[in-house]
PDB file of N, CA and C in Angstrom:
ATOM      1  N   MET A   1       4.814  35.493 -21.678  1.00  0.00           N
ATOM      2  CA  MET A   1       5.556  34.268 -21.423  1.00  0.00           C
ATOM      3  C   MET A   1       6.261  34.345 -20.069  1.00  0.00           C
ATOM      4  N   LYS A   2       6.782  35.550 -19.774  1.00  0.00           N
ATOM      5  CA  LYS A   2       7.476  35.709 -18.504  1.00  0.00           C
ATOM      6  C   LYS A   2       6.494  35.601 -17.333  1.00  0.00           C
ATOM      7  N   LEU A   3       5.283  36.113 -17.512  1.00  0.00           N
ATOM      8  CA  LEU A   3       4.260  36.021 -16.477  1.00  0.00           C
ATOM      9  C   LEU A   3       3.878  34.564 -16.211  1.00  0.00           C
ATOM     10  N   LEU A   4       3.828  33.765 -17.266  1.00  0.00           N
ATOM     11  CA  LEU A   4       3.516  32.344 -17.126  1.00  0.00           C
ATOM     12  C   LEU A   4       4.602  31.621 -16.342  1.00  0.00           C
ATOM     13  N   LYS A   5       5.852  31.911 -16.629  1.00  0.00           N
ATOM     14  CA  LYS A   5       6.962  31.277 -15.916  1.00  0.00           C
ATOM     15  C   LYS A   5       6.968  31.663 -14.435  1.00  0.00           C
ATOM     16  N   VAL A   6       6.711  32.922 -14.160  1.00  0.00           N
ATOM     17  CA  VAL A   6       6.698  33.382 -12.776  1.00  0.00           C
ATOM     18  C   VAL A   6       5.540  32.749 -12.012  1.00  0.00           C
ATOM     19  N   SER A   7       4.373  32.688 -12.652  1.00  0.00           N
ATOM     20  CA  SER A   7       3.227  32.093 -11.974  1.00  0.00           C
ATOM     21  C   SER A   7       3.435  30.596 -11.748  1.00  0.00           C
ATOM     22  N   LEU A   8       4.032  29.890 -12.700  1.00  0.00           N
ATOM     23  CA  LEU A   8       4.340  28.469 -12.515  1.00  0.00           C
ATOM     24  C   LEU A   8       5.368  28.263 -11.410  1.00  0.00           C
ATOM     25  N   LEU A   9       6.327  29.158 -11.315  1.00  0.00           N
ATOM     26  CA  LEU A   9       7.327  29.078 -10.264  1.00  0.00           C
ATOM     27  C   LEU A   9       6.686  29.291  -8.893  1.00  0.00           C
ATOM     28  N   ILE A  10       5.804  30.252  -8.794  1.00  0.00           N
ATOM     29  CA  ILE A  10       5.123  30.511  -7.524  1.00  0.00           C
ATOM     30  C   ILE A  10       4.229  29.334  -7.140  1.00  0.00           C
ATOM     31  N   ILE A  11       3.507  28.778  -8.098  1.00  0.00           N
ATOM     32  CA  ILE A  11       2.657  27.615  -7.817  1.00  0.00           C
ATOM     33  C   ILE A  11       3.508  26.424  -7.406  1.00  0.00           C
ATOM     34  N   GLY A  12       4.631  26.221  -8.072  1.00  0.00           N
ATOM     35  CA  GLY A  12       5.518  25.110  -7.721  1.00  0.00           C
ATOM     36  C   GLY A  12       6.084  25.233  -6.326  1.00  0.00           C
ATOM     37  N   ILE A  13       6.501  26.425  -5.956  1.00  0.00           N
ATOM     38  CA  ILE A  13       7.047  26.647  -4.610  1.00  0.00           C
ATOM     39  C   ILE A  13       5.954  26.445  -3.568  1.00  0.00           C
ATOM     40  N   THR A  14       4.757  26.918  -3.861  1.00  0.00           N
ATOM     41  CA  THR A  14       3.644  26.744  -2.931  1.00  0.00           C
ATOM     42  C   THR A  14       3.319  25.276  -2.728  1.00  0.00           C
ATOM     43  N   LEU A  15       3.290  24.490  -3.810  1.00  0.00           N
ATOM     44  CA  LEU A  15       2.976  23.063  -3.695  1.00  0.00           C
ATOM     45  C   LEU A  15       4.067  22.296  -2.962  1.00  0.00           C
ATOM     46  N   LEU A  16       5.311  22.665  -3.169  1.00  0.00           N
ATOM     47  CA  LEU A  16       6.404  21.972  -2.493  1.00  0.00           C
ATOM     48  C   LEU A  16       6.482  22.312  -1.015  1.00  0.00           C
ATOM     49  N   SER A  17       6.085  23.508  -0.654  1.00  0.00           N
ATOM     50  CA  SER A  17       6.165  23.888   0.753  1.00  0.00           C
ATOM     51  C   SER A  17       4.909  23.521   1.530  1.00  0.00           C
ATOM     52  N   ALA A  18       3.891  23.016   0.872  1.00  0.00           N
ATOM     53  CA  ALA A  18       2.639  22.685   1.557  1.00  0.00           C
ATOM     54  C   ALA A  18       2.807  21.515   2.517  1.00  0.00           C
ATOM     55  N   CYS A  19       3.711  20.604   2.251  1.00  0.00           N
ATOM     56  CA  CYS A  19       3.905  19.426   3.101  1.00  0.00           C
ATOM     57  C   CYS A  19       5.102  19.574   4.027  1.00  0.00           C
ATOM     58  N   SER A  20       5.614  20.756   4.169  1.00  0.00           N
ATOM     59  CA  SER A  20       6.824  20.919   4.964  1.00  0.00           C
ATOM     60  C   SER A  20       6.584  20.834   6.451  1.00  0.00           C
ATOM     61  N   SER A  21       5.358  21.005   6.910  1.00  0.00           N
ATOM     62  CA  SER A  21       5.101  20.986   8.346  1.00  0.00           C
ATOM     63  C   SER A  21       4.265  19.782   8.769  1.00  0.00           C
ATOM     64  N   MET A  22       4.387  18.681   8.058  1.00  0.00           N
ATOM     65  CA  MET A  22       3.637  17.487   8.430  1.00  0.00           C
ATOM     66  C   MET A  22       4.356  16.759   9.558  1.00  0.00           C
ATOM     67  N   GLY A  23       3.590  16.127  10.410  1.00  0.00           N
ATOM     68  CA  GLY A  23       4.170  15.367  11.506  1.00  0.00           C
ATOM     69  C   GLY A  23       4.002  16.085  12.825  1.00  0.00           C
ATOM     70  N   VAL A  24       4.408  15.415  13.872  1.00  0.00           N
ATOM     71  CA  VAL A  24       4.283  15.946  15.221  1.00  0.00           C
ATOM     72  C   VAL A  24       5.649  16.433  15.667  1.00  0.00           C
ATOM     73  N   ASP A  25       5.667  17.614  16.257  1.00  0.00           N
ATOM     74  CA  ASP A  25       6.919  18.145  16.777  1.00  0.00           C
ATOM     75  C   ASP A  25       7.338  17.351  18.008  1.00  0.00           C
ATOM     76  N   PRO A  26       8.646  17.230  18.233  1.00  0.00           N
ATOM     77  CA  PRO A  26       9.106  16.440  19.375  1.00  0.00           C
ATOM     78  C   PRO A  26       8.583  16.940  20.718  1.00  0.00           C
ATOM     79  N   TRP A  27       8.398  18.223  20.879  1.00  0.00           N
ATOM     80  CA  TRP A  27       7.927  18.756  22.158  1.00  0.00           C
ATOM     81  C   TRP A  27       6.423  18.564  22.347  1.00  0.00           C
ATOM     82  N   ASP A  28       5.708  18.118  21.316  1.00  0.00           N
ATOM     83  CA  ASP A  28       4.285  17.833  21.439  1.00  0.00           C
ATOM     84  C   ASP A  28       3.989  16.348  21.633  1.00  0.00           C
ATOM     85  N   ARG A  29       4.973  15.518  21.502  1.00  0.00           N
ATOM     86  CA  ARG A  29       4.740  14.070  21.588  1.00  0.00           C
ATOM     87  C   ARG A  29       4.381  13.622  22.997  1.00  0.00           C
ATOM     88  N   ASP A  30       4.872  14.306  24.004  1.00  0.00           N
ATOM     89  CA  ASP A  30       4.526  13.906  25.368  1.00  0.00           C
ATOM     90  C   ASP A  30       3.046  14.145  25.654  1.00  0.00           C
ATOM     91  N   LEU A  31       2.467  15.177  25.073  1.00  0.00           N
ATOM     92  CA  LEU A  31       1.043  15.433  25.270  1.00  0.00           C
ATOM     93  C   LEU A  31       0.186  14.401  24.554  1.00  0.00           C
ATOM     94  N   LEU A  32       0.620  13.967  23.380  1.00  0.00           N
ATOM     95  CA  LEU A  32      -0.147  12.990  22.618  1.00  0.00           C
ATOM     96  C   LEU A  32       0.005  11.571  23.163  1.00  0.00           C
ATOM     97  N   ALA A  33       1.005  11.341  23.995  1.00  0.00           N
ATOM     98  CA  ALA A  33       1.230  10.003  24.547  1.00  0.00           C
ATOM     99  C   ALA A  33       0.415   9.752  25.812  1.00  0.00           C
ATOM    100  N   LYS A  34      -0.286  10.749  26.306  1.00  0.00           N
ATOM    101  CA  LYS A  34      -1.080  10.568  27.519  1.00  0.00           C
ATOM    102  C   LYS A  34      -2.260   9.642  27.241  1.00  0.00           C
ATOM    103  N   SER A  35      -2.694   8.931  28.265  1.00  0.00           N
ATOM    104  CA  SER A  35      -3.791   7.976  28.084  1.00  0.00           C
ATOM    105  C   SER A  35      -5.112   8.685  27.792  1.00  0.00           C
ATOM    106  N   SER A  36      -5.252   9.918  28.232  1.00  0.00           N
ATOM    107  CA  SER A  36      -6.487  10.653  27.956  1.00  0.00           C
ATOM    108  C   SER A  36      -6.607  11.068  26.500  1.00  0.00           C
ATOM    109  N   MET A  37      -5.526  11.014  25.752  1.00  0.00           N
ATOM    110  CA  MET A  37      -5.546  11.374  24.340  1.00  0.00           C
ATOM    111  C   MET A  37      -5.820  10.171  23.441  1.00  0.00           C
ATOM    112  N   ALA A  38      -5.986   8.998  24.030  1.00  0.00           N
ATOM    113  CA  ALA A  38      -6.253   7.802  23.247  1.00  0.00           C
ATOM    114  C   ALA A  38      -7.656   7.868  22.648  1.00  0.00           C
ATOM    115  N   ILE A  39      -7.853   7.187  21.549  1.00  0.00           N
ATOM    116  CA  ILE A  39      -9.163   7.154  20.914  1.00  0.00           C
ATOM    117  C   ILE A  39     -10.172   6.498  21.847  1.00  0.00           C
ATOM    118  N   ASN A  40      -9.743   5.479  22.538  1.00  0.00           N
ATOM    119  CA  ASN A  40     -10.603   4.763  23.477  1.00  0.00           C
ATOM    120  C   ASN A  40     -10.023   4.936  24.879  1.00  0.00           C
ATOM    121  N   SER A  41     -10.175   6.117  25.460  1.00  0.00           N
ATOM    122  CA  SER A  41      -9.564   6.376  26.762  1.00  0.00           C
ATOM    123  C   SER A  41     -10.361   5.772  27.910  1.00  0.00           C
ATOM    124  N   SER A  42     -11.643   5.496  27.699  1.00  0.00           N
ATOM    125  CA  SER A  42     -12.466   4.886  28.731  1.00  0.00           C
ATOM    126  C   SER A  42     -13.182   3.672  28.136  1.00  0.00           C
ATOM    127  N   PRO A  43     -12.660   2.475  28.349  1.00  0.00           N
ATOM    128  CA  PRO A  43     -13.260   1.288  27.738  1.00  0.00           C
ATOM    129  C   PRO A  43     -14.696   1.030  28.177  1.00  0.00           C
ATOM    130  N   LEU A  44     -15.041   1.342  29.427  1.00  0.00           N
ATOM    131  CA  LEU A  44     -16.404   1.112  29.899  1.00  0.00           C
ATOM    132  C   LEU A  44     -17.391   2.034  29.175  1.00  0.00           C
ATOM    133  N   ASP A  45     -17.057   3.299  29.063  1.00  0.00           N
ATOM    134  CA  ASP A  45     -17.928   4.226  28.337  1.00  0.00           C
ATOM    135  C   ASP A  45     -18.051   3.833  26.870  1.00  0.00           C
ATOM    136  N   GLN A  46     -16.958   3.372  26.271  1.00  0.00           N
ATOM    137  CA  GLN A  46     -16.991   2.944  24.883  1.00  0.00           C
ATOM    138  C   GLN A  46     -17.882   1.720  24.711  1.00  0.00           C
ATOM    139  N   SER A  47     -17.856   0.808  25.677  1.00  0.00           N
ATOM    140  CA  SER A  47     -18.690  -0.383  25.606  1.00  0.00           C
ATOM    141  C   SER A  47     -20.171  -0.027  25.692  1.00  0.00           C
ATOM    142  N   ILE A  48     -20.498   0.905  26.572  1.00  0.00           N
ATOM    143  CA  ILE A  48     -21.894   1.342  26.699  1.00  0.00           C
ATOM    144  C   ILE A  48     -22.354   2.037  25.425  1.00  0.00           C
ATOM    145  N   ASP A  49     -21.503   2.892  24.878  1.00  0.00           N
ATOM    146  CA  ASP A  49     -21.852   3.575  23.633  1.00  0.00           C
ATOM    147  C   ASP A  49     -22.042   2.586  22.490  1.00  0.00           C
ATOM    148  N   ASP A  50     -21.187   1.565  22.437  1.00  0.00           N
ATOM    149  CA  ASP A  50     -21.318   0.549  21.392  1.00  0.00           C
ATOM    150  C   ASP A  50     -22.626  -0.221  21.526  1.00  0.00           C
ATOM    151  N   HIS A  51     -23.005  -0.545  22.763  1.00  0.00           N
ATOM    152  CA  HIS A  51     -24.264  -1.273  22.966  1.00  0.00           C
ATOM    153  C   HIS A  51     -25.451  -0.442  22.494  1.00  0.00           C
ATOM    154  N   VAL A  52     -25.460   0.826  22.847  1.00  0.00           N
ATOM    155  CA  VAL A  52     -26.552   1.702  22.413  1.00  0.00           C
ATOM    156  C   VAL A  52     -26.546   1.821  20.895  1.00  0.00           C
ATOM    157  N   TYR A  53     -25.355   1.923  20.328  1.00  0.00           N
ATOM    158  CA  TYR A  53     -25.236   2.085  18.883  1.00  0.00           C
ATOM    159  C   TYR A  53     -25.818   0.888  18.136  1.00  0.00           C
ATOM    160  N   PHE A  54     -25.443  -0.323  18.538  1.00  0.00           N
ATOM    161  CA  PHE A  54     -25.882  -1.465  17.731  1.00  0.00           C
ATOM    162  C   PHE A  54     -27.258  -1.982  18.120  1.00  0.00           C
ATOM    163  N   SER A  55     -27.755  -1.664  19.311  1.00  0.00           N
ATOM    164  CA  SER A  55     -29.078  -2.186  19.661  1.00  0.00           C
ATOM    165  C   SER A  55     -30.203  -1.202  19.402  1.00  0.00           C
ATOM    166  N   LYS A  56     -29.962   0.065  19.506  1.00  0.00           N
ATOM    167  CA  LYS A  56     -31.026   1.045  19.350  1.00  0.00           C
ATOM    168  C   LYS A  56     -31.061   1.696  17.977  1.00  0.00           C
ATOM    169  N   GLU A  57     -29.958   1.736  17.283  1.00  0.00           N
ATOM    170  CA  GLU A  57     -29.910   2.403  15.996  1.00  0.00           C
ATOM    171  C   GLU A  57     -30.201   1.462  14.834  1.00  0.00           C
ATOM    172  N   ALA A  58     -30.420   0.215  15.098  1.00  0.00           N
ATOM    173  CA  ALA A  58     -30.660  -0.799  14.066  1.00  0.00           C
ATOM    174  C   ALA A  58     -29.525  -0.824  13.067  1.00  0.00           C
ATOM    175  N   ALA A  59     -28.327  -0.635  13.561  1.00  0.00           N
ATOM    176  CA  ALA A  59     -27.157  -0.581  12.699  1.00  0.00           C
ATOM    177  C   ALA A  59     -26.410  -1.895  12.760  1.00  0.00           C
ATOM    178  N   SER A  60     -25.724  -2.197  11.715  1.00  0.00           N
ATOM    179  CA  SER A  60     -24.867  -3.370  11.718  1.00  0.00           C
ATOM    180  C   SER A  60     -23.564  -3.011  11.051  1.00  0.00           C
ATOM    181  N   GLY A  61     -22.484  -3.593  11.549  1.00  0.00           N
ATOM    182  CA  GLY A  61     -21.175  -3.316  10.998  1.00  0.00           C
ATOM    183  C   GLY A  61     -20.607  -2.025  11.548  1.00  0.00           C
ATOM    184  N   GLY A  62     -19.451  -1.662  11.046  1.00  0.00           N
ATOM    185  CA  GLY A  62     -18.816  -0.440  11.475  1.00  0.00           C
ATOM    186  C   GLY A  62     -17.928  -0.623  12.684  1.00  0.00           C
ATOM    187  N   ARG A  63     -18.421  -1.293  13.693  1.00  0.00           N
ATOM    188  CA  ARG A  63     -17.633  -1.558  14.894  1.00  0.00           C
ATOM    189  C   ARG A  63     -17.615  -3.043  15.192  1.00  0.00           C
ATOM    190  N   SER A  64     -17.728  -3.832  14.194  1.00  0.00           N
ATOM    191  CA  SER A  64     -17.738  -5.294  14.250  1.00  0.00           C
ATOM    192  C   SER A  64     -18.892  -5.826  15.086  1.00  0.00           C
ATOM    193  N   PHE A  65     -20.037  -5.169  15.006  1.00  0.00           N
ATOM    194  CA  PHE A  65     -21.262  -5.644  15.631  1.00  0.00           C
ATOM    195  C   PHE A  65     -22.297  -5.871  14.540  1.00  0.00           C
ATOM    196  N   ALA A  66     -23.143  -6.823  14.751  1.00  0.00           N
ATOM    197  CA  ALA A  66     -24.283  -7.007  13.871  1.00  0.00           C
ATOM    198  C   ALA A  66     -25.514  -7.105  14.756  1.00  0.00           C
ATOM    199  N   GLY A  67     -26.381  -6.144  14.641  1.00  0.00           N
ATOM    200  CA  GLY A  67     -27.529  -6.141  15.532  1.00  0.00           C
ATOM    201  C   GLY A  67     -28.807  -5.806  14.786  1.00  0.00           C
ATOM    202  N   GLY A  68     -29.903  -6.177  15.394  1.00  0.00           N
ATOM    203  CA  GLY A  68     -31.193  -5.801  14.863  1.00  0.00           C
ATOM    204  C   GLY A  68     -31.627  -4.496  15.467  1.00  0.00           C
ATOM    205  N   GLY A  69     -32.834  -4.107  15.253  1.00  0.00           N
ATOM    206  CA  GLY A  69     -33.311  -2.862  15.805  1.00  0.00           C
ATOM    207  C   GLY A  69     -34.164  -3.041  17.030  1.00  0.00           C
ATOM    208  N   CYS A  70     -34.483  -4.276  17.400  1.00  0.00           N
ATOM    209  CA  CYS A  70     -35.428  -4.480  18.505  1.00  0.00           C
ATOM    210  C   CYS A  70     -34.780  -4.400  19.863  1.00  0.00           C
ATOM    211  N   GLY A  71     -33.494  -4.535  19.969  1.00  0.00           N
ATOM    212  CA  GLY A  71     -32.814  -4.478  21.262  1.00  0.00           C
ATOM    213  C   GLY A  71     -32.887  -5.773  22.040  1.00  0.00           C
ATOM    214  N   CYS A  72     -33.259  -6.861  21.397  1.00  0.00           N
ATOM    215  CA  CYS A  72     -33.407  -8.137  22.108  1.00  0.00           C
ATOM    216  C   CYS A  72     -32.207  -9.041  21.844  1.00  0.00           C
ATOM    217  N   ASN A  73     -31.043  -8.559  22.115  1.00  0.00           N
ATOM    218  CA  ASN A  73     -29.850  -9.354  21.891  1.00  0.00           C
ATOM    219  C   ASN A  73     -29.414  -9.906  23.165  1.00  0.00           C
TER     220      ASN A  73
END
């Protein structure tokens, strides 16, 4: 019984401390605020990639495009 209590206590402490380091530290925020860290840091390259994606892959949706596979858009 004592082993069960100790193991439950250890599991509880582990689960409670698992989320203790979530978030960005204040000294790292300046690096994440740079324009090169943006998801879309180069709009022209993103536009070219999107065109290839929806015209050559015969894909539709996902990036708000609907295209066929023939490339005749």
